[in-house]
Amino acid sequence: MKLIVHVGPHKTATSALQAFLNRNHAALREKGVWYRGWQGTTNHTPLATMFLHRNPAAGGLMRGYVEDAAASSCEVCVVSTEVLAKGDFDPKPLLAAIDGYRATFVAYLRAPDERMISAFDQVVRNKSRTGPIGELENFDPTYRQNLLKWAKAEGHEFVLAPYDRAQWTGGNIFEDFLSMFGIGRDGLELELDESEENRSLRPALTEVLRVANAVGLSGETRRAFIAGLYKLQASRPNWYRGDDLLTQSQSAEIRHLLWNNLDQWRPYFRPGFDPAYLAPDAKRR
């Protein structure tokens, strides 16, 4: 049985991919793929958080999940949570839990300036952030803090996929992810409800919300305000395309940090991976 561990990282369509896998769990099982969200969620974040907090029960629970997949005669078992890409996540207990299996750890590599903008939007929405994007903490544009531990996991495989629609199978990240393991899209539902996606606001609207956070908007009023911003974004999609949170020179500077360290990642690129979309002078998507 193949063990696929999708580690994200954060802000690379992980929420959408997890919702897709969980929604299609029955159809995937018919294809020999085991994926079930943990404890009513769409992902394995609660289990990974147990590892993060050094809960001694985590190893047995992870082993049980994998063994359930094997007992069901599935050929592929998938685990997915971006918690595994946290800088302070210790991989040793998880690796001990899957001893005897050769895992393939998978991550999507997104242009770091785009990922930074998306991460900033999320903390503004979810954590009521009031500080500017330049003060974003714990963001590593080189991905070393997030991914190097999995690249170095002995006895396992590490694969980097491009976060670039032009390189995705079928132009769709869901189809692309499954295709890496020889799984076709037939019989799967590829469309998600908006509620299943962790969609970003346009940068101009992120700044509107940041100001609202600063003046103390909270509770149900804040939730209604955010819902209104999403409705405005959907009804006027061309109003906010020209605004951004980073200048072109700032984006280029952030991209240079990854570009100058790209050689450490090249051995893990999946076949056909073209890194041109990560170049400092590449146009932001």
Protein backbone atom coordinates (compact mmCIF):
# COMPACT_ATOMS: atom_id res chain seq x y z
CA MET A 1 0.00 0.00 0.00
CA LYS A 2 1.22 3.48 -0.87
CA LEU A 3 1.16 5.96 2.00
CA ILE A 4 0.78 9.55 0.76
CA VAL A 5 1.27 12.31 3.30
CA HIS A 6 0.25 15.72 1.99
CA VAL A 7 1.96 18.34 4.17
CA GLY A 8 0.60 21.44 2.43
CA PRO A 9 2.10 23.79 3.19
CA HIS A 10 -0.28 26.45 4.45
CA LYS A 11 -1.96 28.58 1.72
CA THR A 12 -1.47 26.16 -1.17
CA ALA A 13 -5.16 25.22 -1.60
CA THR A 14 -4.92 22.72 1.25
CA SER A 15 -8.43 23.40 2.60
CA ALA A 16 -10.01 22.95 -0.82
CA LEU A 17 -8.02 19.80 -1.58
CA GLN A 18 -8.93 18.28 1.78
CA ALA A 19 -12.61 19.10 1.30
CA PHE A 20 -12.49 17.50 -2.16
CA LEU A 21 -10.87 14.32 -0.86
CA ASN A 22 -13.26 14.03 2.07
CA ARG A 23 -16.36 14.72 -0.03
CA ASN A 24 -15.31 11.98 -2.45
CA HIS A 25 -14.21 9.45 0.18
CA ALA A 26 -16.70 6.78 -0.94
CA ALA A 27 -15.87 7.14 -4.63
CA LEU A 28 -12.16 7.18 -3.84
CA ARG A 29 -12.47 4.00 -1.81
CA GLU A 30 -13.96 2.30 -4.85
CA LYS A 31 -10.77 3.35 -6.66
CA GLY A 32 -8.65 1.81 -3.89
CA VAL A 33 -7.88 5.12 -2.13
CA TRP A 34 -8.42 5.57 1.60
CA TYR A 35 -9.15 9.09 2.86
CA ARG A 36 -11.32 10.02 5.81
CA GLY A 37 -11.20 13.33 7.66
CA TRP A 38 -10.43 13.07 11.36
CA GLN A 39 -13.23 13.37 13.94
CA GLY A 40 -15.76 15.00 11.65
CA THR A 41 -13.31 17.36 9.95
CA THR A 42 -12.17 17.23 6.33
CA ASN A 43 -8.49 16.75 7.21
CA HIS A 44 -6.09 15.26 9.75
CA THR A 45 -5.26 18.45 11.60
CA PRO A 46 -6.66 17.27 14.96
CA LEU A 47 -4.41 14.21 14.80
CA ALA A 48 -1.37 16.21 13.69
CA THR A 49 -2.01 18.68 16.51
CA MET A 50 -1.78 15.77 18.95
CA PHE A 51 1.69 15.04 17.57
CA LEU A 52 2.54 18.75 17.77
CA HIS A 53 1.60 18.80 21.47
CA ARG A 54 3.44 15.51 22.07
CA ASN A 55 0.32 13.60 23.05
CA PRO A 56 1.48 9.97 23.56
CA ALA A 57 -1.75 8.64 22.05
CA ALA A 58 -1.05 10.21 18.65
CA GLY A 59 1.22 7.46 17.35
CA GLY A 60 -1.27 4.68 17.98
CA LEU A 61 -4.09 6.64 16.40
CA MET A 62 -2.03 7.34 13.29
CA ARG A 63 -1.02 3.71 13.07
CA GLY A 64 -4.65 2.69 13.41
CA TYR A 65 -5.71 4.97 10.55
CA VAL A 66 -3.08 3.49 8.24
CA GLU A 67 -3.88 -0.08 9.28
CA ASP A 68 -7.60 0.51 8.66
CA ALA A 69 -6.68 1.51 5.11
CA ALA A 70 -4.61 -1.64 4.67
CA ALA A 71 -7.38 -3.82 6.10
CA SER A 72 -9.85 -2.35 3.61
CA SER A 73 -7.60 -3.58 0.78
CA CYS A 74 -6.98 -0.03 -0.42
CA GLU A 75 -3.85 0.45 -2.51
CA VAL A 76 -3.34 4.07 -1.46
CA CYS A 77 -3.75 5.73 1.95
CA VAL A 78 -3.76 9.54 2.07
CA VAL A 79 -3.12 11.81 5.07
CA SER A 80 -3.42 15.58 4.68
CA THR A 81 -2.74 18.43 7.08
CA GLU A 82 -0.66 21.59 6.81
CA VAL A 83 0.18 21.34 10.53
CA LEU A 84 2.99 19.00 9.42
CA ALA A 85 4.65 22.00 7.73
CA LYS A 86 4.78 24.10 10.90
CA GLY A 87 8.32 25.09 11.75
CA ASP A 88 8.12 23.59 15.26
CA PHE A 89 6.63 20.25 14.19
CA ASP A 90 8.91 17.39 15.23
CA PRO A 91 8.71 14.65 12.57
CA LYS A 92 10.25 11.84 14.67
CA PRO A 93 7.10 10.61 16.49
CA LEU A 94 5.08 10.53 13.28
CA LEU A 95 7.85 8.70 11.43
CA ALA A 96 7.97 6.17 14.25
CA ALA A 97 4.21 5.67 13.98
CA ILE A 98 4.43 4.76 10.29
CA ASP A 99 7.49 2.55 10.67
CA GLY A 100 7.30 -0.27 8.14
CA TYR A 101 5.70 1.89 5.47
CA ARG A 102 7.57 3.91 2.88
CA ALA A 103 5.70 7.20 2.74
CA THR A 104 5.68 9.77 -0.01
CA PHE A 105 5.53 13.26 1.49
CA VAL A 106 4.00 15.73 -0.97
CA ALA A 107 3.98 19.53 -0.97
CA TYR A 108 3.00 22.21 -3.46
CA LEU A 109 5.48 25.02 -4.02
CA ARG A 110 3.78 28.41 -4.40
CA ALA A 111 5.47 31.69 -5.26
CA PRO A 112 6.35 33.05 -1.79
CA ASP A 113 4.99 36.57 -2.33
CA GLU A 114 1.60 35.15 -3.36
CA ARG A 115 1.64 32.83 -0.38
CA MET A 116 2.54 35.70 1.92
CA ILE A 117 -0.38 37.80 0.68
CA SER A 118 -2.75 34.87 1.13
CA ALA A 119 -1.42 34.11 4.62
CA PHE A 120 -1.81 37.75 5.61
CA ASP A 121 -5.41 37.74 4.38
CA GLN A 122 -6.16 34.71 6.52
CA VAL A 123 -4.81 36.19 9.76
CA VAL A 124 -6.73 39.41 9.07
CA ARG A 125 -9.93 37.38 8.60
CA ASN A 126 -9.46 34.73 11.27
CA LYS A 127 -7.37 36.45 13.93
CA SER A 128 -8.55 40.06 13.63
CA ARG A 129 -5.05 41.23 12.77
CA THR A 130 -4.50 44.99 12.70
CA GLY A 131 -0.78 45.20 11.79
CA PRO A 132 0.44 45.62 8.18
CA ILE A 133 1.72 42.80 5.99
CA GLY A 134 5.35 43.81 6.59
CA GLU A 135 4.97 42.69 10.21
CA LEU A 136 3.77 39.16 9.36
CA GLU A 137 5.50 36.74 11.73
CA ASN A 138 6.85 33.22 11.18
CA PHE A 139 6.85 33.42 7.40
CA ASP A 140 9.75 31.69 5.62
CA PRO A 141 9.85 32.44 1.87
CA THR A 142 12.51 29.77 1.35
CA TYR A 143 10.25 26.97 2.73
CA ARG A 144 13.18 25.54 4.70
CA GLN A 145 11.39 25.77 8.05
CA ASN A 146 8.28 24.17 6.55
CA LEU A 147 9.57 21.36 4.38
CA LEU A 148 13.21 20.48 4.93
CA LYS A 149 12.44 18.00 7.71
CA TRP A 150 10.29 15.94 5.31
CA ALA A 151 12.84 16.10 2.51
CA LYS A 152 15.38 14.62 4.94
CA ALA A 153 13.14 11.83 6.27
CA GLU A 154 15.23 8.69 5.78
CA GLY A 155 13.61 5.77 4.03
CA HIS A 156 10.84 7.92 2.58
CA GLU A 157 10.24 9.96 -0.56
CA PHE A 158 9.67 13.69 -0.83
CA VAL A 159 7.97 15.22 -3.89
CA LEU A 160 7.45 18.88 -4.73
CA ALA A 161 4.64 19.78 -7.12
CA PRO A 162 4.18 23.18 -8.80
CA TYR A 163 1.51 25.50 -7.48
CA ASP A 164 0.95 26.65 -11.02
CA ARG A 165 -2.34 26.04 -12.80
CA ALA A 166 -0.59 25.89 -16.17
CA GLN A 167 1.29 22.78 -14.98
CA TRP A 168 -1.63 21.03 -13.29
CA THR A 169 -3.22 18.00 -14.90
CA GLY A 170 -6.51 19.22 -16.36
CA GLY A 171 -5.78 22.71 -15.00
CA ASN A 172 -7.25 21.55 -11.68
CA ILE A 173 -5.35 20.95 -8.45
CA PHE A 174 -7.68 18.12 -7.37
CA GLU A 175 -7.12 16.18 -10.56
CA ASP A 176 -3.44 17.08 -10.46
CA PHE A 177 -2.91 15.71 -6.95
CA LEU A 178 -4.55 12.37 -7.72
CA SER A 179 -2.80 12.02 -11.08
CA MET A 180 0.59 11.94 -9.34
CA PHE A 181 -0.42 8.55 -7.94
CA GLY A 182 -2.14 7.17 -11.03
CA ILE A 183 -5.69 7.94 -9.90
CA GLY A 184 -8.17 9.20 -12.50
CA ARG A 185 -10.97 11.72 -12.08
CA ASP A 186 -13.80 9.50 -13.36
CA GLY A 187 -16.70 9.29 -10.93
CA LEU A 188 -15.39 12.10 -8.70
CA GLU A 189 -17.11 15.37 -7.88
CA LEU A 190 -14.65 18.15 -8.67
CA GLU A 191 -16.82 21.14 -7.75
CA LEU A 192 -16.95 22.41 -4.16
CA ASP A 193 -19.36 24.67 -2.34
CA GLU A 194 -17.93 28.09 -1.49
CA SER A 195 -18.19 27.21 2.20
CA GLU A 196 -15.71 24.36 1.68
CA GLU A 197 -12.97 26.63 0.35
CA ASN A 198 -10.81 28.94 2.43
CA ARG A 199 -11.12 31.73 -0.11
CA SER A 200 -9.02 34.88 0.17
CA LEU A 201 -10.39 38.38 -0.12
CA ARG A 202 -8.95 40.67 -2.76
CA PRO A 203 -6.06 42.69 -1.28
CA ALA A 204 -8.03 45.96 -1.22
CA LEU A 205 -10.82 44.29 0.75
CA THR A 206 -8.31 42.66 3.09
CA GLU A 207 -7.10 46.17 3.93
CA VAL A 208 -10.70 47.33 4.49
CA LEU A 209 -11.15 44.48 6.97
CA ARG A 210 -7.84 45.24 8.67
CA VAL A 211 -9.03 48.80 9.30
CA ALA A 212 -12.33 47.41 10.63
CA ASN A 213 -10.33 45.20 13.00
CA ALA A 214 -8.40 48.24 14.18
CA VAL A 215 -11.55 50.14 15.11
CA GLY A 216 -12.83 47.17 17.10
CA LEU A 217 -15.41 45.53 14.86
CA SER A 218 -16.27 42.19 16.46
CA GLY A 219 -18.80 39.45 17.00
CA GLU A 220 -21.80 38.98 14.75
CA THR A 221 -21.35 42.45 13.24
CA ARG A 222 -17.86 41.52 12.09
CA ARG A 223 -19.02 38.18 10.67
CA ALA A 224 -21.77 39.94 8.71
CA PHE A 225 -19.28 42.53 7.51
CA ILE A 226 -16.93 39.82 6.18
CA ALA A 227 -19.84 38.09 4.45
CA GLY A 228 -20.68 41.42 2.84
CA LEU A 229 -17.10 41.83 1.59
CA TYR A 230 -17.27 38.41 -0.07
CA LYS A 231 -20.57 39.32 -1.72
CA LEU A 232 -19.10 42.60 -2.95
CA GLN A 233 -16.06 40.76 -4.31
CA ALA A 234 -18.25 38.26 -6.16
CA SER A 235 -20.57 40.89 -7.61
CA ARG A 236 -17.81 43.32 -8.65
CA PRO A 237 -14.84 41.06 -9.51
CA ASN A 238 -13.07 43.66 -11.66
CA TRP A 239 -13.17 46.48 -9.12
CA TYR A 240 -10.22 45.29 -7.04
CA ARG A 241 -7.87 43.53 -9.45
CA GLY A 242 -5.40 46.40 -9.69
CA ASP A 243 -4.74 46.74 -5.97
CA ASP A 244 -2.15 44.76 -4.08
CA LEU A 245 -0.49 44.48 -0.69
CA LEU A 246 3.07 44.29 -2.04
CA THR A 247 4.79 46.43 -4.64
CA GLN A 248 6.46 44.74 -7.59
CA SER A 249 9.89 45.39 -6.07
CA GLN A 250 8.80 43.91 -2.74
CA SER A 251 7.48 40.82 -4.51
CA ALA A 252 10.74 40.46 -6.45
CA GLU A 253 12.77 40.76 -3.24
CA ILE A 254 10.71 38.01 -1.54
CA ARG A 255 10.95 35.77 -4.61
CA HIS A 256 14.73 36.23 -4.72
CA LEU A 257 14.98 34.62 -1.29
CA LEU A 258 13.44 31.41 -2.64
CA TRP A 259 15.08 31.64 -6.08
CA ASN A 260 18.54 31.89 -4.53
CA ASN A 261 17.85 28.73 -2.51
CA LEU A 262 16.06 26.79 -5.24
CA ASP A 263 18.90 24.35 -5.87
CA GLN A 264 18.19 22.63 -2.55
CA TRP A 265 14.68 21.83 -3.79
CA ARG A 266 15.40 20.80 -7.39
CA PRO A 267 16.18 17.15 -6.53
CA TYR A 268 12.62 16.81 -5.26
CA PHE A 269 10.78 18.39 -8.20
CA ARG A 270 8.33 15.98 -9.74
CA PRO A 271 9.00 15.10 -13.41
CA GLY A 272 8.26 18.04 -15.70
CA PHE A 273 8.31 20.66 -12.92
CA ASP A 274 9.12 24.03 -14.53
CA PRO A 275 10.14 26.59 -11.86
CA ALA A 276 9.87 29.60 -14.19
CA TYR A 277 6.70 30.75 -12.40
CA LEU A 278 8.81 31.29 -9.26
CA ALA A 279 11.32 33.61 -10.92
CA PRO A 280 11.73 37.09 -9.38
CA ASP A 281 10.61 38.72 -12.63
CA ALA A 282 7.67 36.37 -13.20
CA LYS A 283 4.25 37.97 -13.27
CA ARG A 284 2.21 37.44 -10.14
CA ARG A 285 -0.84 35.22 -10.76
